[in-house]
N, C-alpha and C. Protein backbone atom coordinates (compact mmCIF):
# COMPACT_ATOMS: atom_id res chain seq x y z
N MET A 1 16.48 20.44 -8.19
CA MET A 1 16.68 19.14 -8.82
C MET A 1 16.98 18.07 -7.79
N GLY A 2 17.70 18.42 -6.74
CA GLY A 2 18.04 17.46 -5.70
C GLY A 2 16.82 16.96 -4.95
N GLN A 3 15.85 17.88 -4.71
CA GLN A 3 14.62 17.48 -4.02
C GLN A 3 13.82 16.51 -4.87
N LEU A 4 13.83 16.72 -6.19
CA LEU A 4 13.10 15.84 -7.10
C LEU A 4 13.71 14.44 -7.09
N LEU A 5 15.02 14.36 -7.08
CA LEU A 5 15.69 13.05 -7.00
C LEU A 5 15.40 12.37 -5.67
N LEU A 6 15.37 13.15 -4.60
CA LEU A 6 15.06 12.59 -3.29
C LEU A 6 13.64 12.05 -3.25
N LEU A 7 12.70 12.79 -3.84
CA LEU A 7 11.32 12.34 -3.90
C LEU A 7 11.21 11.07 -4.74
N GLY A 8 11.92 11.01 -5.86
CA GLY A 8 11.91 9.81 -6.69
C GLY A 8 12.47 8.61 -5.95
N SER A 9 13.54 8.80 -5.22
CA SER A 9 14.12 7.71 -4.44
C SER A 9 13.16 7.25 -3.35
N PHE A 10 12.51 8.21 -2.72
CA PHE A 10 11.54 7.91 -1.67
C PHE A 10 10.39 7.09 -2.23
N LEU A 11 9.89 7.47 -3.39
CA LEU A 11 8.79 6.74 -4.01
C LEU A 11 9.22 5.34 -4.43
N LEU A 12 10.42 5.20 -4.95
CA LEU A 12 10.91 3.87 -5.33
C LEU A 12 11.09 2.97 -4.12
N ILE A 13 11.58 3.52 -3.04
CA ILE A 13 11.72 2.74 -1.81
C ILE A 13 10.34 2.29 -1.32
N GLY A 14 9.39 3.20 -1.33
CA GLY A 14 8.04 2.86 -0.91
C GLY A 14 7.42 1.79 -1.79
N PHE A 15 7.59 1.92 -3.09
CA PHE A 15 7.05 0.92 -4.02
C PHE A 15 7.72 -0.44 -3.79
N GLY A 16 9.02 -0.42 -3.57
CA GLY A 16 9.74 -1.66 -3.29
C GLY A 16 9.25 -2.33 -2.02
N LEU A 17 8.96 -1.54 -1.00
CA LEU A 17 8.44 -2.10 0.26
C LEU A 17 7.05 -2.70 0.07
N ILE A 18 6.22 -2.04 -0.74
CA ILE A 18 4.89 -2.58 -1.03
C ILE A 18 5.03 -3.94 -1.72
N LEU A 19 5.89 -4.02 -2.72
CA LEU A 19 6.08 -5.28 -3.43
C LEU A 19 6.63 -6.36 -2.51
N LEU A 20 7.55 -5.98 -1.64
CA LEU A 20 8.11 -6.94 -0.70
C LEU A 20 7.05 -7.51 0.23
N VAL A 21 6.27 -6.65 0.84
CA VAL A 21 5.25 -7.10 1.79
C VAL A 21 4.19 -7.93 1.07
N GLU A 22 3.71 -7.44 -0.06
CA GLU A 22 2.69 -8.19 -0.79
C GLU A 22 3.22 -9.54 -1.27
N GLY A 23 4.45 -9.57 -1.73
CA GLY A 23 5.04 -10.83 -2.16
C GLY A 23 5.17 -11.82 -1.03
N LEU A 24 5.57 -11.34 0.14
CA LEU A 24 5.68 -12.23 1.30
C LEU A 24 4.33 -12.78 1.72
N ILE A 25 3.30 -11.94 1.65
CA ILE A 25 1.95 -12.41 2.01
C ILE A 25 1.52 -13.52 1.07
N TYR A 26 1.72 -13.34 -0.23
CA TYR A 26 1.35 -14.39 -1.19
C TYR A 26 2.23 -15.63 -1.03
N ALA A 27 3.48 -15.45 -0.67
CA ALA A 27 4.39 -16.59 -0.52
C ALA A 27 4.04 -17.43 0.71
N PHE A 28 3.68 -16.78 1.80
CA PHE A 28 3.42 -17.51 3.04
C PHE A 28 1.96 -17.92 3.23
N PHE A 29 1.04 -17.22 2.58
CA PHE A 29 -0.39 -17.50 2.78
C PHE A 29 -1.14 -17.57 1.46
N PRO A 30 -0.74 -18.43 0.51
CA PRO A 30 -1.39 -18.44 -0.80
C PRO A 30 -2.86 -18.87 -0.75
N ILE A 31 -3.19 -19.84 0.09
CA ILE A 31 -4.57 -20.31 0.15
C ILE A 31 -5.48 -19.22 0.71
N GLN A 32 -5.03 -18.55 1.76
CA GLN A 32 -5.83 -17.48 2.35
C GLN A 32 -6.00 -16.32 1.37
N MET A 33 -4.98 -16.03 0.58
CA MET A 33 -5.09 -14.95 -0.39
C MET A 33 -6.08 -15.30 -1.50
N LYS A 34 -6.07 -16.55 -1.94
CA LYS A 34 -7.05 -16.97 -2.95
C LYS A 34 -8.47 -16.84 -2.38
N ARG A 35 -8.64 -17.21 -1.13
CA ARG A 35 -9.94 -17.10 -0.47
C ARG A 35 -10.36 -15.63 -0.36
N LEU A 36 -9.41 -14.76 0.00
CA LEU A 36 -9.70 -13.34 0.13
C LEU A 36 -10.11 -12.74 -1.22
N ILE A 37 -9.39 -13.10 -2.27
CA ILE A 37 -9.71 -12.57 -3.60
C ILE A 37 -11.09 -13.05 -4.04
N ALA A 38 -11.42 -14.30 -3.75
CA ALA A 38 -12.75 -14.81 -4.09
C ALA A 38 -13.83 -14.03 -3.35
N GLN A 39 -13.58 -13.71 -2.08
CA GLN A 39 -14.55 -12.94 -1.30
C GLN A 39 -14.68 -11.52 -1.84
N MET A 40 -13.57 -10.95 -2.31
CA MET A 40 -13.60 -9.58 -2.83
C MET A 40 -14.43 -9.47 -4.10
N THR A 41 -14.48 -10.53 -4.90
CA THR A 41 -15.26 -10.46 -6.14
C THR A 41 -16.76 -10.35 -5.84
N ASN A 42 -17.17 -10.75 -4.65
CA ASN A 42 -18.57 -10.67 -4.26
C ASN A 42 -18.91 -9.39 -3.51
N MET A 43 -17.92 -8.58 -3.19
CA MET A 43 -18.17 -7.34 -2.46
C MET A 43 -18.68 -6.26 -3.39
N PRO A 44 -19.54 -5.39 -2.89
CA PRO A 44 -19.97 -4.25 -3.71
C PRO A 44 -18.80 -3.33 -4.04
N GLU A 45 -18.86 -2.70 -5.21
CA GLU A 45 -17.77 -1.81 -5.61
C GLU A 45 -17.60 -0.65 -4.64
N ALA A 46 -18.69 -0.17 -4.08
CA ALA A 46 -18.60 0.95 -3.13
C ALA A 46 -17.79 0.57 -1.90
N THR A 47 -17.93 -0.66 -1.45
CA THR A 47 -17.17 -1.13 -0.29
C THR A 47 -15.69 -1.19 -0.61
N LEU A 48 -15.36 -1.73 -1.78
CA LEU A 48 -13.95 -1.80 -2.19
C LEU A 48 -13.37 -0.39 -2.37
N ARG A 49 -14.15 0.49 -2.97
CA ARG A 49 -13.69 1.86 -3.19
C ARG A 49 -13.45 2.56 -1.84
N SER A 50 -14.36 2.39 -0.90
CA SER A 50 -14.21 3.01 0.42
C SER A 50 -12.96 2.49 1.13
N GLY A 51 -12.74 1.19 1.05
CA GLY A 51 -11.54 0.61 1.65
C GLY A 51 -10.27 1.15 1.00
N GLY A 52 -10.31 1.32 -0.30
CA GLY A 52 -9.15 1.88 -1.01
C GLY A 52 -8.87 3.32 -0.62
N VAL A 53 -9.94 4.11 -0.48
CA VAL A 53 -9.78 5.51 -0.07
C VAL A 53 -9.21 5.59 1.34
N VAL A 54 -9.73 4.77 2.24
CA VAL A 54 -9.23 4.77 3.62
C VAL A 54 -7.76 4.36 3.65
N ALA A 55 -7.39 3.33 2.89
CA ALA A 55 -5.99 2.89 2.86
C ALA A 55 -5.09 3.98 2.27
N ALA A 56 -5.55 4.64 1.21
CA ALA A 56 -4.76 5.71 0.60
C ALA A 56 -4.58 6.88 1.57
N MET A 57 -5.64 7.23 2.29
CA MET A 57 -5.55 8.34 3.25
C MET A 57 -4.61 7.96 4.41
N ALA A 58 -4.68 6.72 4.85
CA ALA A 58 -3.78 6.28 5.93
C ALA A 58 -2.33 6.32 5.46
N GLY A 59 -2.08 5.86 4.26
CA GLY A 59 -0.72 5.91 3.72
C GLY A 59 -0.22 7.33 3.56
N PHE A 60 -1.07 8.21 3.05
CA PHE A 60 -0.69 9.61 2.90
C PHE A 60 -0.41 10.24 4.26
N GLY A 61 -1.28 9.95 5.23
CA GLY A 61 -1.07 10.47 6.58
C GLY A 61 0.24 10.00 7.18
N LEU A 62 0.57 8.75 6.95
CA LEU A 62 1.84 8.21 7.45
C LEU A 62 3.03 8.91 6.79
N LEU A 63 2.93 9.15 5.49
CA LEU A 63 4.02 9.85 4.80
C LEU A 63 4.18 11.28 5.32
N VAL A 64 3.06 11.96 5.54
CA VAL A 64 3.13 13.32 6.07
C VAL A 64 3.74 13.30 7.47
N LEU A 65 3.31 12.36 8.30
CA LEU A 65 3.85 12.24 9.65
C LEU A 65 5.36 12.00 9.61
N LEU A 66 5.79 11.10 8.74
CA LEU A 66 7.22 10.82 8.63
C LEU A 66 7.99 12.04 8.15
N LYS A 67 7.39 12.81 7.25
CA LYS A 67 8.04 14.03 6.75
C LYS A 67 8.14 15.08 7.86
N VAL A 68 7.07 15.19 8.67
CA VAL A 68 7.06 16.19 9.74
C VAL A 68 8.11 15.87 10.80
N ILE A 69 8.24 14.60 11.16
CA ILE A 69 9.20 14.26 12.20
C ILE A 69 10.59 13.97 11.62
N GLN A 70 10.71 14.09 10.28
CA GLN A 70 12.00 13.89 9.59
C GLN A 70 12.60 12.53 9.89
N PHE A 71 11.77 11.49 9.83
CA PHE A 71 12.21 10.14 10.11
C PHE A 71 12.94 9.57 8.93
């Protein structure tokens, strides 16, 4: 049960960090974000999907690395 609570806390911290970083990007660069979103609507779905898979794999790899080195 303790490991499950630790995993839940870890996930909540990670989600909070994502929200923090994304919020700061929108707060400091709103015009550039609007431009980026407009560009994304013209991208093929396969390109967006590939970028999402790469980002997810990088995030997973980082989590595994952090777990291995017990950071």
